[in-house]
Amino acid sequence: MNAPQLVTAADAAVYTGRSVGTIWRWASEGRIHRYGHGKAVRYDLRELPRKTVDSRTGETALGDPPPLPEGARAA
């Protein structure tokens, strides 16, 4: 069994190429899980789409957002 790779919202934002607010929204919508409470909240990198950077052009491509849970609506 693989242990979660937990990071802060700021680290998750860098990893995905999105804002901290987007990470918080995904968690509130149930797209990703929160681990901990308050300022100690962490997010699992395995649930997050990684950004990619083209080595020739430097262009950044964002991954698709995590899917919404069944029956949920986006904020």
N, C-alpha and C. Protein backbone atom coordinates (compact mmCIF):
# COMPACT_ATOMS: atom_id res chain seq x y z
N MET A 1 0.84 -1.18 0.00
CA MET A 1 0.00 0.00 0.00
C MET A 1 0.89 1.25 0.00
N ASN A 2 0.58 2.20 -0.84
CA ASN A 2 1.35 3.43 -0.94
C ASN A 2 0.82 4.47 0.04
N ALA A 3 1.71 5.05 0.80
CA ALA A 3 1.34 6.11 1.73
C ALA A 3 1.09 7.40 0.94
N PRO A 4 0.16 8.24 1.40
CA PRO A 4 -0.07 9.50 0.69
C PRO A 4 1.18 10.39 0.75
N GLN A 5 1.38 11.16 -0.29
CA GLN A 5 2.48 12.12 -0.35
C GLN A 5 1.88 13.49 -0.03
N LEU A 6 1.90 13.87 1.24
CA LEU A 6 1.19 15.05 1.70
C LEU A 6 2.02 16.32 1.58
N VAL A 7 1.37 17.37 1.07
CA VAL A 7 2.00 18.67 0.90
C VAL A 7 1.03 19.77 1.29
N THR A 8 1.55 20.97 1.51
CA THR A 8 0.71 22.13 1.81
C THR A 8 -0.02 22.59 0.55
N ALA A 9 -0.99 23.47 0.73
CA ALA A 9 -1.72 24.03 -0.41
C ALA A 9 -0.78 24.82 -1.32
N ALA A 10 0.19 25.52 -0.74
CA ALA A 10 1.14 26.28 -1.55
C ALA A 10 1.98 25.35 -2.42
N ASP A 11 2.45 24.25 -1.85
CA ASP A 11 3.22 23.29 -2.63
C ASP A 11 2.36 22.63 -3.70
N ALA A 12 1.11 22.33 -3.37
CA ALA A 12 0.19 21.74 -4.33
C ALA A 12 -0.07 22.70 -5.49
N ALA A 13 -0.14 23.99 -5.18
CA ALA A 13 -0.36 25.00 -6.22
C ALA A 13 0.82 25.04 -7.20
N VAL A 14 2.02 24.98 -6.69
CA VAL A 14 3.21 24.98 -7.55
C VAL A 14 3.22 23.71 -8.41
N TYR A 15 2.93 22.58 -7.82
CA TYR A 15 2.93 21.29 -8.52
C TYR A 15 1.92 21.27 -9.67
N THR A 16 0.73 21.88 -9.44
CA THR A 16 -0.32 21.84 -10.45
C THR A 16 -0.29 23.02 -11.42
N GLY A 17 0.40 24.11 -11.03
CA GLY A 17 0.41 25.31 -11.86
C GLY A 17 -0.83 26.14 -11.68
N ARG A 18 -1.54 25.92 -10.61
CA ARG A 18 -2.77 26.66 -10.33
C ARG A 18 -2.62 27.42 -9.02
N SER A 19 -3.62 28.22 -8.68
CA SER A 19 -3.55 29.03 -7.46
C SER A 19 -3.91 28.21 -6.22
N VAL A 20 -3.51 28.72 -5.06
CA VAL A 20 -3.88 28.09 -3.78
C VAL A 20 -5.40 28.05 -3.65
N GLY A 21 -6.07 29.10 -4.09
CA GLY A 21 -7.53 29.15 -4.04
C GLY A 21 -8.18 28.01 -4.82
N THR A 22 -7.58 27.63 -5.93
CA THR A 22 -8.10 26.51 -6.72
C THR A 22 -7.94 25.21 -5.94
N ILE A 23 -6.82 25.03 -5.27
CA ILE A 23 -6.61 23.82 -4.46
C ILE A 23 -7.66 23.76 -3.36
N TRP A 24 -7.89 24.90 -2.68
CA TRP A 24 -8.92 24.95 -1.64
C TRP A 24 -10.30 24.64 -2.20
N ARG A 25 -10.62 25.19 -3.39
CA ARG A 25 -11.93 24.95 -3.99
C ARG A 25 -12.10 23.48 -4.35
N TRP A 26 -11.08 22.87 -4.95
CA TRP A 26 -11.16 21.45 -5.28
C TRP A 26 -11.45 20.62 -4.03
N ALA A 27 -10.80 20.97 -2.93
CA ALA A 27 -11.03 20.24 -1.68
C ALA A 27 -12.45 20.47 -1.18
N SER A 28 -12.95 21.69 -1.26
CA SER A 28 -14.31 21.97 -0.78
C SER A 28 -15.37 21.30 -1.65
N GLU A 29 -15.06 21.12 -2.93
CA GLU A 29 -15.99 20.45 -3.84
C GLU A 29 -15.91 18.92 -3.72
N GLY A 30 -14.92 18.41 -3.00
CA GLY A 30 -14.77 16.97 -2.85
C GLY A 30 -13.94 16.33 -3.95
N ARG A 31 -13.29 17.12 -4.79
CA ARG A 31 -12.47 16.57 -5.87
C ARG A 31 -11.19 15.92 -5.32
N ILE A 32 -10.64 16.50 -4.24
CA ILE A 32 -9.45 15.97 -3.59
C ILE A 32 -9.72 15.91 -2.09
N HIS A 33 -8.94 15.13 -1.37
CA HIS A 33 -9.12 14.96 0.07
C HIS A 33 -8.22 15.90 0.86
N ARG A 34 -8.71 16.28 2.03
CA ARG A 34 -7.92 17.06 2.99
C ARG A 34 -7.43 16.10 4.06
N TYR A 35 -6.21 16.32 4.50
CA TYR A 35 -5.64 15.55 5.60
C TYR A 35 -5.23 16.54 6.68
N GLY A 36 -5.86 16.48 7.84
CA GLY A 36 -5.59 17.41 8.92
C GLY A 36 -6.65 18.50 9.00
N HIS A 37 -6.39 19.48 9.88
CA HIS A 37 -7.35 20.57 10.10
C HIS A 37 -6.62 21.89 10.24
N GLY A 38 -7.32 22.98 9.93
CA GLY A 38 -6.77 24.31 10.11
C GLY A 38 -5.51 24.54 9.29
N LYS A 39 -4.51 25.14 9.92
CA LYS A 39 -3.27 25.45 9.22
C LYS A 39 -2.43 24.20 8.93
N ALA A 40 -2.78 23.09 9.54
CA ALA A 40 -2.04 21.84 9.34
C ALA A 40 -2.60 21.00 8.20
N VAL A 41 -3.56 21.51 7.44
CA VAL A 41 -4.16 20.75 6.34
C VAL A 41 -3.11 20.45 5.28
N ARG A 42 -3.15 19.23 4.78
CA ARG A 42 -2.26 18.80 3.71
C ARG A 42 -3.09 18.11 2.64
N TYR A 43 -2.53 18.02 1.43
CA TYR A 43 -3.18 17.42 0.27
C TYR A 43 -2.25 16.37 -0.33
N ASP A 44 -2.84 15.32 -0.89
CA ASP A 44 -2.06 14.21 -1.45
C ASP A 44 -1.68 14.53 -2.90
N LEU A 45 -0.39 14.54 -3.20
CA LEU A 45 0.06 14.81 -4.56
C LEU A 45 -0.49 13.81 -5.57
N ARG A 46 -0.74 12.59 -5.13
CA ARG A 46 -1.23 11.56 -6.05
C ARG A 46 -2.62 11.87 -6.59
N GLU A 47 -3.37 12.76 -5.92
CA GLU A 47 -4.71 13.14 -6.37
C GLU A 47 -4.70 14.36 -7.28
N LEU A 48 -3.54 14.99 -7.45
CA LEU A 48 -3.46 16.27 -8.16
C LEU A 48 -2.87 16.11 -9.55
N PRO A 49 -3.40 16.88 -10.53
CA PRO A 49 -2.83 16.84 -11.89
C PRO A 49 -1.54 17.64 -11.94
N ARG A 50 -0.50 17.06 -12.47
CA ARG A 50 0.80 17.72 -12.53
C ARG A 50 0.89 18.60 -13.77
N LYS A 51 1.47 19.78 -13.60
CA LYS A 51 1.73 20.62 -14.78
C LYS A 51 2.97 20.08 -15.49
N THR A 52 3.04 20.30 -16.79
CA THR A 52 4.22 19.91 -17.55
C THR A 52 4.75 21.14 -18.27
N VAL A 53 6.06 21.18 -18.44
CA VAL A 53 6.71 22.29 -19.12
C VAL A 53 7.51 21.73 -20.29
N ASP A 54 7.23 22.24 -21.49
CA ASP A 54 7.95 21.81 -22.68
C ASP A 54 9.39 22.30 -22.59
N SER A 55 10.34 21.39 -22.73
CA SER A 55 11.75 21.74 -22.56
C SER A 55 12.27 22.64 -23.69
N ARG A 56 11.65 22.58 -24.85
CA ARG A 56 12.11 23.40 -25.98
C ARG A 56 11.51 24.80 -25.96
N THR A 57 10.22 24.89 -25.72
CA THR A 57 9.53 26.19 -25.81
C THR A 57 9.32 26.85 -24.45
N GLY A 58 9.38 26.06 -23.38
CA GLY A 58 9.10 26.60 -22.05
C GLY A 58 7.62 26.76 -21.76
N GLU A 59 6.79 26.29 -22.69
CA GLU A 59 5.34 26.41 -22.54
C GLU A 59 4.84 25.45 -21.46
N THR A 60 3.94 25.94 -20.60
CA THR A 60 3.38 25.15 -19.52
C THR A 60 2.02 24.61 -19.93
N ALA A 61 1.80 23.32 -19.69
CA ALA A 61 0.50 22.69 -19.95
C ALA A 61 -0.05 22.19 -18.62
N LEU A 62 -1.28 22.57 -18.32
CA LEU A 62 -1.93 22.14 -17.09
C LEU A 62 -2.70 20.86 -17.32
N GLY A 63 -2.69 19.98 -16.33
CA GLY A 63 -3.47 18.75 -16.42
C GLY A 63 -4.95 19.02 -16.21
N ASP A 64 -5.76 18.06 -16.57
CA ASP A 64 -7.21 18.19 -16.34
C ASP A 64 -7.49 18.24 -14.84
N PRO A 65 -8.48 19.02 -14.42
CA PRO A 65 -8.81 19.06 -12.99
C PRO A 65 -9.35 17.70 -12.54
N PRO A 66 -9.20 17.39 -11.25
CA PRO A 66 -9.76 16.14 -10.75
C PRO A 66 -11.27 16.12 -10.96
N PRO A 67 -11.85 14.96 -11.20
CA PRO A 67 -13.30 14.90 -11.44
C PRO A 67 -14.10 15.20 -10.17
N LEU A 68 -15.29 15.72 -10.40
CA LEU A 68 -16.22 15.93 -9.29
C LEU A 68 -16.76 14.59 -8.82
N PRO A 69 -17.06 14.46 -7.54
CA PRO A 69 -17.71 13.24 -7.07
C PRO A 69 -19.09 13.10 -7.71
N GLU A 70 -19.55 11.89 -7.80
CA GLU A 70 -20.86 11.61 -8.38
C GLU A 70 -21.95 12.43 -7.69
N GLY A 71 -22.74 13.17 -8.48
CA GLY A 71 -23.86 13.95 -7.95
C GLY A 71 -23.50 15.32 -7.42
N ALA A 72 -22.22 15.70 -7.45
CA ALA A 72 -21.81 17.02 -6.95
C ALA A 72 -21.84 18.04 -8.07
N ARG A 73 -21.96 19.32 -7.69
CA ARG A 73 -21.92 20.41 -8.65
C ARG A 73 -20.73 21.30 -8.37
N ALA A 74 -20.13 21.84 -9.42
CA ALA A 74 -18.98 22.73 -9.26
C ALA A 74 -19.41 24.04 -8.61
N ALA A 75 -18.49 24.66 -7.89
CA ALA A 75 -18.78 25.94 -7.23
C ALA A 75 -18.89 27.06 -8.24
